[in-house]
Amino acid sequence: MKFHKGRLKFVLPISLGVAIASYIMLANKFQEVASRDRIFIVIGATILTAVIAYFLFPQEGDNPNDRGPY
């Protein structure tokens, strides 16, 4: 699998936004969740978001007619 650096400009800000938003939501609305578990939830959400965003956002110069599975 070839790593595309052009996609990082989309993936990193989205992942960072999800990490911050999920931590704030867990801290404000779900105080009963243990702090260690909050961190695990935030890490899981961030990784899942990064993987999904990496495959959904096209790289610069990709062929717009190419619709194959990645």
Protein backbone atom coordinates (compact mmCIF):
# COMPACT_ATOMS: atom_id res chain seq x y z
CA MET A 1 0.00 0.00 0.00
CA LYS A 2 1.37 3.34 -1.01
CA PHE A 3 1.24 6.16 1.56
CA HIS A 4 -0.05 9.46 0.15
CA LYS A 5 1.35 12.49 1.97
CA GLY A 6 -1.08 14.85 0.21
CA ARG A 7 -3.97 13.42 2.18
CA LEU A 8 -2.40 14.35 5.51
CA LYS A 9 -3.49 17.97 5.14
CA PHE A 10 -7.07 16.69 5.45
CA VAL A 11 -6.59 13.80 7.84
CA LEU A 12 -4.61 15.53 10.59
CA PRO A 13 -6.92 18.53 11.20
CA ILE A 14 -10.02 16.33 11.13
CA SER A 15 -8.46 13.84 13.56
CA LEU A 16 -7.32 16.61 15.87
CA GLY A 17 -10.80 18.14 15.83
CA VAL A 18 -12.41 14.80 16.65
CA ALA A 19 -9.95 14.20 19.49
CA ILE A 20 -10.62 17.60 21.07
CA ALA A 21 -14.39 17.45 20.57
CA SER A 22 -14.72 13.92 21.90
CA TYR A 23 -12.65 14.69 24.99
CA ILE A 24 -14.69 17.82 25.74
CA MET A 25 -17.96 15.91 25.28
CA LEU A 26 -16.82 13.08 27.53
CA ALA A 27 -15.55 15.48 30.18
CA ASN A 28 -18.71 17.62 30.23
CA LYS A 29 -21.56 15.17 29.67
CA PHE A 30 -20.22 11.85 30.91
CA GLN A 31 -18.39 12.49 34.18
CA GLU A 32 -19.12 8.97 35.38
CA VAL A 33 -16.74 7.51 32.78
CA ALA A 34 -13.32 6.91 34.31
CA SER A 35 -10.54 9.15 33.06
CA ARG A 36 -8.48 6.20 31.75
CA ASP A 37 -11.49 4.98 29.76
CA ARG A 38 -12.07 8.48 28.38
CA ILE A 39 -8.54 8.50 26.98
CA PHE A 40 -9.09 5.09 25.35
CA ILE A 41 -12.35 6.27 23.80
CA VAL A 42 -10.69 9.43 22.46
CA ILE A 43 -7.76 7.46 21.01
CA GLY A 44 -10.13 4.97 19.36
CA ALA A 45 -12.29 7.72 17.87
CA THR A 46 -9.23 9.55 16.58
CA ILE A 47 -7.73 6.48 14.92
CA LEU A 48 -11.05 5.47 13.36
CA THR A 49 -11.54 8.99 12.03
CA ALA A 50 -8.04 9.08 10.58
CA VAL A 51 -8.50 5.79 8.74
CA ILE A 52 -11.89 6.76 7.34
CA ALA A 53 -10.71 10.23 6.30
CA TYR A 54 -7.56 8.82 4.68
CA PHE A 55 -9.58 6.62 2.35
CA LEU A 56 -12.41 9.06 1.66
CA PHE A 57 -10.42 12.16 0.72
CA PRO A 58 -8.77 12.00 -2.70
CA GLN A 59 -5.14 12.79 -3.21
CA GLU A 60 -4.19 15.70 -5.42
CA GLY A 61 -3.73 14.51 -8.97
CA ASP A 62 -5.94 11.44 -8.60
CA ASN A 63 -7.87 10.53 -11.68
CA PRO A 64 -11.48 11.68 -11.09
CA ASN A 65 -12.75 8.78 -13.26
CA ASP A 66 -11.01 6.21 -11.07
CA ARG A 67 -13.67 4.82 -8.75
CA GLY A 68 -12.04 1.59 -7.70
CA PRO A 69 -11.86 0.37 -4.12
CA TYR A 70 -8.85 1.62 -2.23
